[in-house]
Amino acid sequence: MADLPTSRLSPFRSAPNMLTLLRICLAPFLVTAILEDRYALAFGLFVAAGLTDALDGALARLLKQRTMLGQYLDPVADKLLLSTLFLVLTHKDLIPARVTVLVFGRDVGILVVAAILYAAAGRREFGPSLFGKANTTVQIVAVAAVLLHQLSAVRWMAELRWLALDATMALTVLSGLHYAWIASRRIAAQTNGVHPPKS
């Protein structure tokens, strides 16, 4: 398909970042719906947030508009939304506290490691690994399964919920260790004056 004229696409250039901001704005409404036990609404808002995530990436590729702001804002929006949901669902006794502690502990650890990398090696980028992407995916599945389980207590939904939560714990630990390994390798390479290959 031929590229559309730049003049026709210019009004949409900011659309990917606007969708990301919309995802952030949905967080308080999602939290309110869960706290008020309105799980059908909460699930609908969660699906809407997922659609904005898919659309902002697709639009950024279509418009060739991958800005530095978008690269930082998109993962922040994902983490803010998921971490907030894990916290409020734990408050409602729908997710075990140990799962949420692991999720928050890993995210804090990655922030600390990123800060160390920046201080030691001057590196600003610390992109997601394959394990990190898999972990985000199972977290999304876990939240969706928990919300759906409140709407339908069928057996397979309960089993999916526990399977997704177990997978979240396993991948949280695995991805955290993988990030630590990448960071240690980069710091060692910087110390030796060698540029390590991207993981």
N, C-alpha and C. Protein backbone atom coordinates (compact mmCIF):
# COMPACT_ATOMS: atom_id res chain seq x y z
N MET A 1 0.85 -1.21 0.00
CA MET A 1 0.00 0.00 0.00
C MET A 1 0.88 1.24 0.00
N ALA A 2 0.59 2.19 -0.91
CA ALA A 2 1.40 3.40 -1.02
C ALA A 2 1.28 4.25 0.23
N ASP A 3 2.39 4.95 0.52
CA ASP A 3 2.38 5.82 1.68
C ASP A 3 1.44 6.99 1.45
N LEU A 4 0.70 7.36 2.48
CA LEU A 4 -0.20 8.51 2.38
C LEU A 4 0.62 9.79 2.44
N PRO A 5 0.16 10.85 1.77
CA PRO A 5 0.88 12.12 1.81
C PRO A 5 1.06 12.60 3.24
N THR A 6 2.23 13.20 3.48
CA THR A 6 2.53 13.68 4.84
C THR A 6 1.52 14.70 5.31
N SER A 7 1.03 15.56 4.39
CA SER A 7 0.07 16.59 4.77
C SER A 7 -1.23 16.00 5.28
N ARG A 8 -1.60 14.83 4.73
CA ARG A 8 -2.85 14.19 5.17
C ARG A 8 -2.68 13.48 6.49
N LEU A 9 -1.45 13.06 6.80
CA LEU A 9 -1.21 12.32 8.04
C LEU A 9 -0.86 13.24 9.20
N SER A 10 -0.46 14.49 8.92
CA SER A 10 0.03 15.37 9.98
C SER A 10 -0.93 15.54 11.14
N PRO A 11 -2.27 15.62 10.92
CA PRO A 11 -3.17 15.76 12.08
C PRO A 11 -3.15 14.56 13.02
N PHE A 12 -2.66 13.42 12.51
CA PHE A 12 -2.68 12.20 13.31
C PHE A 12 -1.32 11.88 13.94
N ARG A 13 -0.33 12.75 13.74
CA ARG A 13 1.02 12.45 14.19
C ARG A 13 1.10 12.21 15.69
N SER A 14 0.27 12.95 16.45
CA SER A 14 0.32 12.83 17.90
C SER A 14 -0.61 11.75 18.43
N ALA A 15 -1.35 11.07 17.54
CA ALA A 15 -2.35 10.09 17.97
C ALA A 15 -1.77 8.96 18.82
N PRO A 16 -0.61 8.36 18.46
CA PRO A 16 -0.08 7.28 19.31
C PRO A 16 0.15 7.70 20.75
N ASN A 17 0.77 8.87 20.95
CA ASN A 17 1.02 9.33 22.32
C ASN A 17 -0.27 9.71 23.03
N MET A 18 -1.26 10.22 22.29
CA MET A 18 -2.55 10.55 22.90
C MET A 18 -3.26 9.28 23.38
N LEU A 19 -3.14 8.20 22.61
CA LEU A 19 -3.73 6.92 23.02
C LEU A 19 -3.04 6.39 24.27
N THR A 20 -1.73 6.57 24.34
CA THR A 20 -1.00 6.14 25.53
C THR A 20 -1.44 6.93 26.75
N LEU A 21 -1.61 8.23 26.59
CA LEU A 21 -2.10 9.07 27.69
C LEU A 21 -3.51 8.68 28.09
N LEU A 22 -4.33 8.30 27.11
CA LEU A 22 -5.69 7.85 27.40
C LEU A 22 -5.65 6.60 28.26
N ARG A 23 -4.70 5.69 27.98
CA ARG A 23 -4.55 4.47 28.78
C ARG A 23 -4.22 4.81 30.24
N ILE A 24 -3.37 5.80 30.42
CA ILE A 24 -3.03 6.24 31.78
C ILE A 24 -4.27 6.83 32.47
N CYS A 25 -5.05 7.60 31.72
CA CYS A 25 -6.25 8.24 32.30
C CYS A 25 -7.33 7.22 32.67
N LEU A 26 -7.30 6.04 32.04
CA LEU A 26 -8.29 5.01 32.36
C LEU A 26 -8.04 4.37 33.72
N ALA A 27 -6.81 4.46 34.22
CA ALA A 27 -6.44 3.78 35.47
C ALA A 27 -7.35 4.14 36.64
N PRO A 28 -7.59 5.43 36.95
CA PRO A 28 -8.45 5.73 38.10
C PRO A 28 -9.88 5.23 37.95
N PHE A 29 -10.40 5.22 36.71
CA PHE A 29 -11.75 4.72 36.50
C PHE A 29 -11.81 3.21 36.71
N LEU A 30 -10.76 2.51 36.29
CA LEU A 30 -10.66 1.07 36.52
C LEU A 30 -10.61 0.76 38.01
N VAL A 31 -9.80 1.51 38.73
CA VAL A 31 -9.67 1.31 40.17
C VAL A 31 -11.01 1.54 40.86
N THR A 32 -11.69 2.63 40.49
CA THR A 32 -12.99 2.94 41.09
C THR A 32 -14.00 1.84 40.84
N ALA A 33 -14.02 1.33 39.60
CA ALA A 33 -14.97 0.26 39.25
C ALA A 33 -14.71 -0.99 40.08
N ILE A 34 -13.44 -1.33 40.29
CA ILE A 34 -13.11 -2.53 41.09
C ILE A 34 -13.49 -2.31 42.56
N LEU A 35 -13.16 -1.15 43.09
CA LEU A 35 -13.47 -0.87 44.49
C LEU A 35 -14.97 -0.88 44.75
N GLU A 36 -15.75 -0.54 43.72
CA GLU A 36 -17.21 -0.54 43.86
C GLU A 36 -17.84 -1.86 43.42
N ASP A 37 -16.99 -2.88 43.18
CA ASP A 37 -17.44 -4.22 42.78
C ASP A 37 -18.21 -4.22 41.46
N ARG A 38 -17.88 -3.30 40.58
CA ARG A 38 -18.51 -3.25 39.26
C ARG A 38 -17.57 -3.91 38.26
N TYR A 39 -17.51 -5.24 38.33
CA TYR A 39 -16.48 -5.98 37.59
C TYR A 39 -16.75 -6.04 36.09
N ALA A 40 -17.99 -5.98 35.67
CA ALA A 40 -18.29 -5.94 34.24
C ALA A 40 -17.74 -4.65 33.63
N LEU A 41 -17.96 -3.53 34.32
CA LEU A 41 -17.42 -2.25 33.86
C LEU A 41 -15.90 -2.28 33.89
N ALA A 42 -15.34 -2.84 34.97
CA ALA A 42 -13.88 -2.91 35.09
C ALA A 42 -13.27 -3.72 33.95
N PHE A 43 -13.91 -4.83 33.61
CA PHE A 43 -13.39 -5.66 32.52
C PHE A 43 -13.49 -4.91 31.19
N GLY A 44 -14.60 -4.22 30.97
CA GLY A 44 -14.77 -3.43 29.75
C GLY A 44 -13.70 -2.35 29.62
N LEU A 45 -13.41 -1.65 30.73
CA LEU A 45 -12.38 -0.62 30.71
C LEU A 45 -11.00 -1.22 30.49
N PHE A 46 -10.78 -2.42 31.05
CA PHE A 46 -9.49 -3.09 30.87
C PHE A 46 -9.29 -3.48 29.40
N VAL A 47 -10.36 -3.96 28.76
CA VAL A 47 -10.29 -4.28 27.33
C VAL A 47 -10.02 -3.01 26.53
N ALA A 48 -10.69 -1.91 26.89
CA ALA A 48 -10.47 -0.64 26.20
C ALA A 48 -9.02 -0.19 26.33
N ALA A 49 -8.45 -0.37 27.51
CA ALA A 49 -7.05 -0.02 27.72
C ALA A 49 -6.14 -0.87 26.85
N GLY A 50 -6.47 -2.16 26.73
CA GLY A 50 -5.70 -3.05 25.87
C GLY A 50 -5.78 -2.64 24.41
N LEU A 51 -6.94 -2.18 23.98
CA LEU A 51 -7.11 -1.73 22.60
C LEU A 51 -6.28 -0.48 22.32
N THR A 52 -6.21 0.44 23.28
CA THR A 52 -5.37 1.63 23.08
C THR A 52 -3.91 1.24 22.98
N ASP A 53 -3.51 0.21 23.73
CA ASP A 53 -2.12 -0.27 23.67
C ASP A 53 -1.80 -0.82 22.29
N ALA A 54 -2.72 -1.61 21.75
CA ALA A 54 -2.50 -2.18 20.41
C ALA A 54 -2.53 -1.10 19.33
N LEU A 55 -3.47 -0.15 19.47
CA LEU A 55 -3.62 0.88 18.45
C LEU A 55 -2.46 1.86 18.43
N ASP A 56 -1.93 2.22 19.61
CA ASP A 56 -0.85 3.21 19.59
C ASP A 56 0.40 2.65 18.91
N GLY A 57 0.66 1.35 19.12
CA GLY A 57 1.80 0.73 18.44
C GLY A 57 1.59 0.64 16.94
N ALA A 58 0.37 0.26 16.55
CA ALA A 58 0.07 0.13 15.12
C ALA A 58 0.14 1.49 14.43
N LEU A 59 -0.39 2.53 15.07
CA LEU A 59 -0.36 3.86 14.48
C LEU A 59 1.06 4.41 14.39
N ALA A 60 1.87 4.13 15.43
CA ALA A 60 3.25 4.60 15.41
C ALA A 60 4.02 4.00 14.24
N ARG A 61 3.74 2.71 13.96
CA ARG A 61 4.41 2.07 12.81
C ARG A 61 3.86 2.60 11.49
N LEU A 62 2.54 2.76 11.40
CA LEU A 62 1.92 3.23 10.16
C LEU A 62 2.37 4.64 9.81
N LEU A 63 2.41 5.51 10.83
CA LEU A 63 2.76 6.90 10.60
C LEU A 63 4.27 7.14 10.68
N LYS A 64 5.02 6.08 11.00
CA LYS A 64 6.47 6.19 11.17
C LYS A 64 6.79 7.29 12.18
N GLN A 65 6.06 7.22 13.29
CA GLN A 65 6.13 8.27 14.30
C GLN A 65 6.55 7.68 15.64
N ARG A 66 7.72 7.07 15.68
CA ARG A 66 8.23 6.50 16.93
C ARG A 66 9.11 7.53 17.62
N THR A 67 8.49 8.31 18.48
CA THR A 67 9.21 9.39 19.17
C THR A 67 9.87 8.87 20.44
N MET A 68 10.86 9.65 20.91
CA MET A 68 11.52 9.30 22.17
C MET A 68 10.51 9.32 23.32
N LEU A 69 9.58 10.32 23.29
CA LEU A 69 8.55 10.38 24.32
C LEU A 69 7.72 9.11 24.33
N GLY A 70 7.32 8.66 23.14
CA GLY A 70 6.51 7.45 23.04
C GLY A 70 7.23 6.22 23.54
N GLN A 71 8.54 6.13 23.26
CA GLN A 71 9.32 4.98 23.70
C GLN A 71 9.38 4.88 25.21
N TYR A 72 9.41 6.03 25.88
CA TYR A 72 9.43 6.02 27.35
C TYR A 72 8.02 5.94 27.93
N LEU A 73 7.06 6.62 27.28
CA LEU A 73 5.72 6.73 27.83
C LEU A 73 4.95 5.42 27.76
N ASP A 74 5.10 4.67 26.67
CA ASP A 74 4.32 3.44 26.49
C ASP A 74 4.58 2.41 27.58
N PRO A 75 5.85 2.04 27.88
CA PRO A 75 6.06 1.07 28.97
C PRO A 75 5.66 1.61 30.34
N VAL A 76 5.81 2.94 30.52
CA VAL A 76 5.39 3.54 31.79
C VAL A 76 3.88 3.39 31.97
N ALA A 77 3.13 3.63 30.89
CA ALA A 77 1.67 3.48 30.95
C ALA A 77 1.28 2.05 31.26
N ASP A 78 1.95 1.09 30.62
CA ASP A 78 1.66 -0.32 30.87
C ASP A 78 1.91 -0.69 32.33
N LYS A 79 3.08 -0.28 32.82
CA LYS A 79 3.46 -0.63 34.20
C LYS A 79 2.55 0.07 35.21
N LEU A 80 2.23 1.32 34.95
CA LEU A 80 1.36 2.06 35.87
C LEU A 80 0.01 1.38 35.96
N LEU A 81 -0.55 1.01 34.81
CA LEU A 81 -1.88 0.39 34.79
C LEU A 81 -1.85 -0.98 35.47
N LEU A 82 -0.90 -1.83 35.08
CA LEU A 82 -0.86 -3.19 35.63
C LEU A 82 -0.52 -3.19 37.11
N SER A 83 0.47 -2.40 37.50
CA SER A 83 0.86 -2.37 38.92
C SER A 83 -0.29 -1.87 39.79
N THR A 84 -1.00 -0.84 39.30
CA THR A 84 -2.15 -0.31 40.05
C THR A 84 -3.23 -1.37 40.19
N LEU A 85 -3.49 -2.12 39.10
CA LEU A 85 -4.52 -3.15 39.15
C LEU A 85 -4.13 -4.29 40.07
N PHE A 86 -2.88 -4.71 40.05
CA PHE A 86 -2.45 -5.76 40.97
C PHE A 86 -2.63 -5.30 42.41
N LEU A 87 -2.30 -4.04 42.67
CA LEU A 87 -2.41 -3.52 44.03
C LEU A 87 -3.86 -3.49 44.50
N VAL A 88 -4.77 -2.97 43.67
CA VAL A 88 -6.17 -2.84 44.09
C VAL A 88 -6.84 -4.21 44.16
N LEU A 89 -6.46 -5.14 43.26
CA LEU A 89 -7.04 -6.49 43.31
C LEU A 89 -6.52 -7.27 44.52
N THR A 90 -5.31 -6.97 44.96
CA THR A 90 -4.82 -7.56 46.20
C THR A 90 -5.58 -6.99 47.39
N HIS A 91 -5.84 -5.68 47.34
CA HIS A 91 -6.64 -5.04 48.40
C HIS A 91 -8.02 -5.68 48.52
N LYS A 92 -8.58 -6.11 47.37
CA LYS A 92 -9.89 -6.75 47.36
C LYS A 92 -9.81 -8.26 47.62
N ASP A 93 -8.61 -8.75 47.98
CA ASP A 93 -8.38 -10.18 48.24
C ASP A 93 -8.67 -11.06 47.02
N LEU A 94 -8.42 -10.53 45.83
CA LEU A 94 -8.64 -11.30 44.60
C LEU A 94 -7.32 -11.80 44.00
N ILE A 95 -6.22 -11.21 44.42
CA ILE A 95 -4.89 -11.65 44.02
C ILE A 95 -4.06 -11.81 45.29
N PRO A 96 -3.36 -12.95 45.47
CA PRO A 96 -2.54 -13.15 46.67
C PRO A 96 -1.47 -12.06 46.80
N ALA A 97 -1.21 -11.65 48.03
CA ALA A 97 -0.23 -10.58 48.27
C ALA A 97 1.15 -10.96 47.75
N ARG A 98 1.50 -12.25 47.81
CA ARG A 98 2.85 -12.66 47.38
C ARG A 98 3.08 -12.37 45.90
N VAL A 99 2.02 -12.47 45.10
CA VAL A 99 2.14 -12.19 43.66
C VAL A 99 2.43 -10.71 43.45
N THR A 100 1.67 -9.86 44.11
CA THR A 100 1.84 -8.42 43.96
C THR A 100 3.19 -7.95 44.49
N VAL A 101 3.64 -8.54 45.59
CA VAL A 101 4.95 -8.19 46.14
C VAL A 101 6.05 -8.53 45.13
N LEU A 102 5.94 -9.69 44.49
CA LEU A 102 6.92 -10.07 43.47
C LEU A 102 6.90 -9.11 42.29
N VAL A 103 5.69 -8.75 41.83
CA VAL A 103 5.56 -7.85 40.69
C VAL A 103 6.18 -6.49 41.00
N PHE A 104 5.85 -5.94 42.16
CA PHE A 104 6.40 -4.64 42.54
C PHE A 104 7.90 -4.72 42.78
N GLY A 105 8.33 -5.81 43.43
CA GLY A 105 9.76 -5.98 43.72
C GLY A 105 10.58 -6.03 42.45
N ARG A 106 10.10 -6.75 41.43
CA ARG A 106 10.81 -6.82 40.15
C ARG A 106 10.88 -5.46 39.49
N ASP A 107 9.75 -4.73 39.47
CA ASP A 107 9.74 -3.43 38.79
C ASP A 107 10.66 -2.43 39.49
N VAL A 108 10.65 -2.45 40.81
CA VAL A 108 11.56 -1.57 41.55
C VAL A 108 13.01 -1.97 41.27
N GLY A 109 13.27 -3.28 41.23
CA GLY A 109 14.62 -3.76 40.94
C GLY A 109 15.11 -3.31 39.58
N ILE A 110 14.21 -3.36 38.57
CA ILE A 110 14.59 -2.93 37.22
C ILE A 110 14.89 -1.43 37.20
N LEU A 111 14.11 -0.64 37.93
CA LEU A 111 14.39 0.79 38.01
C LEU A 111 15.75 1.06 38.64
N VAL A 112 16.07 0.31 39.68
CA VAL A 112 17.37 0.47 40.35
C VAL A 112 18.50 0.09 39.40
N VAL A 113 18.33 -1.05 38.71
CA VAL A 113 19.36 -1.51 37.76
C VAL A 113 19.53 -0.51 36.63
N ALA A 114 18.43 0.04 36.11
CA ALA A 114 18.51 1.04 35.04
C ALA A 114 19.26 2.27 35.52
N ALA A 115 19.01 2.68 36.77
CA ALA A 115 19.72 3.83 37.33
C ALA A 115 21.22 3.54 37.46
N ILE A 116 21.55 2.31 37.88
CA ILE A 116 22.96 1.92 38.00
C ILE A 116 23.64 1.92 36.63
N LEU A 117 22.92 1.38 35.63
CA LEU A 117 23.48 1.37 34.27
C LEU A 117 23.74 2.79 33.76
N TYR A 118 22.80 3.67 34.04
CA TYR A 118 22.98 5.05 33.59
C TYR A 118 24.16 5.71 34.30
N ALA A 119 24.30 5.44 35.61
CA ALA A 119 25.39 6.05 36.38
C ALA A 119 26.75 5.45 35.99
N ALA A 120 26.76 4.12 35.75
CA ALA A 120 28.04 3.45 35.49
C ALA A 120 28.44 3.47 34.03
N ALA A 121 27.45 3.37 33.14
CA ALA A 121 27.77 3.22 31.72
C ALA A 121 27.19 4.31 30.84
N GLY A 122 26.40 5.20 31.44
CA GLY A 122 25.80 6.26 30.65
C GLY A 122 24.74 5.79 29.67
N ARG A 123 24.17 4.62 29.91
CA ARG A 123 23.17 4.06 29.01
C ARG A 123 21.78 4.48 29.47
N ARG A 124 21.00 5.03 28.58
CA ARG A 124 19.64 5.44 28.92
C ARG A 124 18.63 4.36 28.54
N GLU A 125 18.94 3.60 27.49
CA GLU A 125 17.96 2.61 27.02
C GLU A 125 18.15 1.30 27.79
N PHE A 126 17.04 0.69 28.12
CA PHE A 126 17.06 -0.61 28.81
C PHE A 126 15.79 -1.33 28.37
N GLY A 127 15.79 -1.73 27.10
CA GLY A 127 14.59 -2.26 26.47
C GLY A 127 14.13 -3.56 27.07
N PRO A 128 12.87 -3.92 26.83
CA PRO A 128 12.31 -5.15 27.37
C PRO A 128 12.92 -6.37 26.70
N SER A 129 13.14 -7.41 27.48
CA SER A 129 13.65 -8.67 26.94
C SER A 129 12.47 -9.56 26.55
N LEU A 130 12.77 -10.70 25.96
CA LEU A 130 11.72 -11.65 25.59
C LEU A 130 10.98 -12.12 26.84
N PHE A 131 11.73 -12.37 27.93
CA PHE A 131 11.10 -12.79 29.18
C PHE A 131 10.24 -11.67 29.75
N GLY A 132 10.71 -10.43 29.61
CA GLY A 132 9.94 -9.29 30.11
C GLY A 132 8.63 -9.13 29.38
N LYS A 133 8.66 -9.30 28.04
CA LYS A 133 7.44 -9.21 27.25
C LYS A 133 6.47 -10.34 27.61
N ALA A 134 7.03 -11.54 27.80
CA ALA A 134 6.19 -12.69 28.19
C ALA A 134 5.56 -12.44 29.55
N ASN A 135 6.32 -11.83 30.46
CA ASN A 135 5.81 -11.54 31.80
C ASN A 135 4.66 -10.53 31.74
N THR A 136 4.81 -9.49 30.91
CA THR A 136 3.74 -8.52 30.76
C THR A 136 2.48 -9.18 30.20
N THR A 137 2.68 -10.08 29.24
CA THR A 137 1.53 -10.78 28.64
C THR A 137 0.77 -11.60 29.67
N VAL A 138 1.49 -12.37 30.50
CA VAL A 138 0.79 -13.21 31.48
C VAL A 138 0.17 -12.36 32.58
N GLN A 139 0.75 -11.20 32.88
CA GLN A 139 0.13 -10.29 33.84
C GLN A 139 -1.22 -9.80 33.30
N ILE A 140 -1.25 -9.46 32.01
CA ILE A 140 -2.51 -9.02 31.40
C ILE A 140 -3.55 -10.14 31.45
N VAL A 141 -3.11 -11.36 31.11
CA VAL A 141 -4.02 -12.51 31.16
C VAL A 141 -4.51 -12.74 32.58
N ALA A 142 -3.61 -12.59 33.55
CA ALA A 142 -3.98 -12.82 34.96
C ALA A 142 -5.04 -11.82 35.42
N VAL A 143 -4.83 -10.55 35.11
CA VAL A 143 -5.81 -9.52 35.51
C VAL A 143 -7.15 -9.78 34.84
N ALA A 144 -7.13 -10.10 33.54
CA ALA A 144 -8.37 -10.38 32.82
C ALA A 144 -9.09 -11.58 33.41
N ALA A 145 -8.33 -12.63 33.74
CA ALA A 145 -8.93 -13.84 34.31
C ALA A 145 -9.53 -13.57 35.69
N VAL A 146 -8.85 -12.76 36.49
CA VAL A 146 -9.37 -12.42 37.82
C VAL A 146 -10.67 -11.65 37.70
N LEU A 147 -10.72 -10.69 36.79
CA LEU A 147 -11.95 -9.90 36.60
C LEU A 147 -13.08 -10.77 36.06
N LEU A 148 -12.76 -11.62 35.09
CA LEU A 148 -13.79 -12.50 34.51
C LEU A 148 -14.30 -13.51 35.53
N HIS A 149 -13.43 -13.95 36.42
CA HIS A 149 -13.83 -14.91 37.44
C HIS A 149 -14.87 -14.32 38.38
N GLN A 150 -14.85 -13.01 38.54
CA GLN A 150 -15.86 -12.34 39.36
C GLN A 150 -17.20 -12.28 38.66
N LEU A 151 -17.18 -12.44 37.33
CA LEU A 151 -18.42 -12.41 36.56
C LEU A 151 -18.97 -13.80 36.32
N SER A 152 -18.08 -14.80 36.30
CA SER A 152 -18.48 -16.18 36.05
C SER A 152 -17.57 -17.11 36.82
N ALA A 153 -18.15 -17.84 37.77
CA ALA A 153 -17.35 -18.71 38.64
C ALA A 153 -17.23 -20.13 38.09
N VAL A 154 -17.23 -20.28 36.76
CA VAL A 154 -17.09 -21.61 36.18
C VAL A 154 -15.70 -22.16 36.47
N ARG A 155 -15.58 -23.47 36.46
CA ARG A 155 -14.34 -24.12 36.90
C ARG A 155 -13.14 -23.75 36.04
N TRP A 156 -13.34 -23.73 34.70
CA TRP A 156 -12.19 -23.46 33.83
C TRP A 156 -11.67 -22.05 34.02
N MET A 157 -12.56 -21.12 34.40
CA MET A 157 -12.12 -19.76 34.63
C MET A 157 -11.28 -19.67 35.89
N ALA A 158 -11.69 -20.42 36.92
CA ALA A 158 -10.91 -20.45 38.15
C ALA A 158 -9.53 -21.06 37.91
N GLU A 159 -9.50 -22.12 37.08
CA GLU A 159 -8.22 -22.76 36.78
C GLU A 159 -7.32 -21.84 35.96
N LEU A 160 -7.91 -21.11 35.01
CA LEU A 160 -7.13 -20.15 34.22
C LEU A 160 -6.56 -19.06 35.11
N ARG A 161 -7.36 -18.62 36.07
CA ARG A 161 -6.92 -17.57 37.00
C ARG A 161 -5.67 -18.01 37.76
N TRP A 162 -5.73 -19.22 38.33
CA TRP A 162 -4.58 -19.69 39.11
C TRP A 162 -3.38 -19.99 38.23
N LEU A 163 -3.64 -20.52 37.04
CA LEU A 163 -2.54 -20.80 36.11
C LEU A 163 -1.84 -19.50 35.70
N ALA A 164 -2.60 -18.47 35.41
CA ALA A 164 -2.02 -17.19 35.01
C ALA A 164 -1.25 -16.55 36.16
N LEU A 165 -1.76 -16.67 37.38
CA LEU A 165 -1.07 -16.10 38.53
C LEU A 165 0.23 -16.86 38.82
N ASP A 166 0.20 -18.19 38.69
CA ASP A 166 1.42 -18.98 38.87
C ASP A 166 2.45 -18.63 37.80
N ALA A 167 1.99 -18.47 36.55
CA ALA A 167 2.89 -18.10 35.46
C ALA A 167 3.47 -16.71 35.69
N THR A 168 2.65 -15.82 36.25
CA THR A 168 3.13 -14.47 36.56
C THR A 168 4.27 -14.52 37.56
N MET A 169 4.12 -15.31 38.62
CA MET A 169 5.19 -15.41 39.62
C MET A 169 6.45 -15.99 39.01
N ALA A 170 6.31 -17.06 38.21
CA ALA A 170 7.48 -17.71 37.62
C ALA A 170 8.21 -16.77 36.66
N LEU A 171 7.47 -16.10 35.78
CA LEU A 171 8.09 -15.22 34.81
C LEU A 171 8.60 -13.93 35.44
N THR A 172 7.99 -13.51 36.53
CA THR A 172 8.49 -12.33 37.24
C THR A 172 9.89 -12.60 37.77
N VAL A 173 10.08 -13.75 38.39
CA VAL A 173 11.40 -14.13 38.90
C VAL A 173 12.38 -14.32 37.75
N LEU A 174 11.96 -15.07 36.72
CA LEU A 174 12.84 -15.37 35.59
C LEU A 174 13.27 -14.11 34.85
N SER A 175 12.30 -13.23 34.55
CA SER A 175 12.64 -12.01 33.83
C SER A 175 13.49 -11.08 34.69
N GLY A 176 13.24 -11.05 36.00
CA GLY A 176 14.06 -10.24 36.89
C GLY A 176 15.51 -10.70 36.89
N LEU A 177 15.72 -12.02 36.95
CA LEU A 177 17.08 -12.56 36.91
C LEU A 177 17.75 -12.28 35.56
N HIS A 178 16.95 -12.36 34.50
CA HIS A 178 17.49 -12.10 33.16
C HIS A 178 17.93 -10.65 33.01
N TYR A 179 17.12 -9.71 33.51
CA TYR A 179 17.50 -8.31 33.48
C TYR A 179 18.77 -8.07 34.29
N ALA A 180 18.88 -8.72 35.44
CA ALA A 180 20.08 -8.57 36.27
C ALA A 180 21.32 -9.08 35.53
N TRP A 181 21.16 -10.20 34.80
CA TRP A 181 22.27 -10.77 34.03
C TRP A 181 22.69 -9.83 32.91
N ILE A 182 21.69 -9.26 32.19
CA ILE A 182 21.99 -8.31 31.12
C ILE A 182 22.74 -7.09 31.67
N ALA A 183 22.25 -6.59 32.81
CA ALA A 183 22.86 -5.40 33.40
C ALA A 183 24.30 -5.67 33.82
N SER A 184 24.54 -6.81 34.46
CA SER A 184 25.90 -7.13 34.90
C SER A 184 26.84 -7.28 33.71
N ARG A 185 26.34 -7.86 32.61
CA ARG A 185 27.16 -8.03 31.41
C ARG A 185 27.49 -6.68 30.77
N ARG A 186 26.51 -5.78 30.76
CA ARG A 186 26.75 -4.47 30.16
C ARG A 186 27.73 -3.65 30.99
N ILE A 187 27.59 -3.73 32.31
CA ILE A 187 28.51 -2.98 33.18
C ILE A 187 29.92 -3.52 33.03
N ALA A 188 30.06 -4.86 32.98
CA ALA A 188 31.38 -5.47 32.81
C ALA A 188 31.98 -5.09 31.46
N ALA A 189 31.15 -5.07 30.41
CA ALA A 189 31.64 -4.71 29.08
C ALA A 189 32.07 -3.26 29.04
N GLN A 190 31.30 -2.38 29.71
CA GLN A 190 31.66 -0.97 29.74
C GLN A 190 32.96 -0.76 30.48
N THR A 191 33.15 -1.53 31.55
CA THR A 191 34.39 -1.42 32.32
C THR A 191 35.60 -1.83 31.48
N ASN A 192 35.39 -2.85 30.61
CA ASN A 192 36.46 -3.35 29.76
C ASN A 192 36.55 -2.63 28.43
N GLY A 193 35.66 -1.64 28.22
CA GLY A 193 35.68 -0.91 26.98
C GLY A 193 35.14 -1.65 25.79
N VAL A 194 34.25 -2.63 26.03
CA VAL A 194 33.67 -3.46 24.97
C VAL A 194 32.19 -3.20 24.92
N HIS A 195 31.62 -3.15 23.73
CA HIS A 195 30.17 -2.99 23.57
C HIS A 195 29.52 -4.36 23.45
N PRO A 196 28.73 -4.78 24.45
CA PRO A 196 28.10 -6.11 24.39
C PRO A 196 27.00 -6.16 23.34
N PRO A 197 26.74 -7.34 22.78
CA PRO A 197 25.65 -7.45 21.82
C PRO A 197 24.31 -7.23 22.51
N LYS A 198 23.32 -6.72 21.75
CA LYS A 198 21.99 -6.51 22.31
C LYS A 198 21.32 -7.83 22.56
N SER A 199 20.53 -7.91 23.68
CA SER A 199 19.82 -9.14 24.01
C SER A 199 18.37 -9.00 23.65
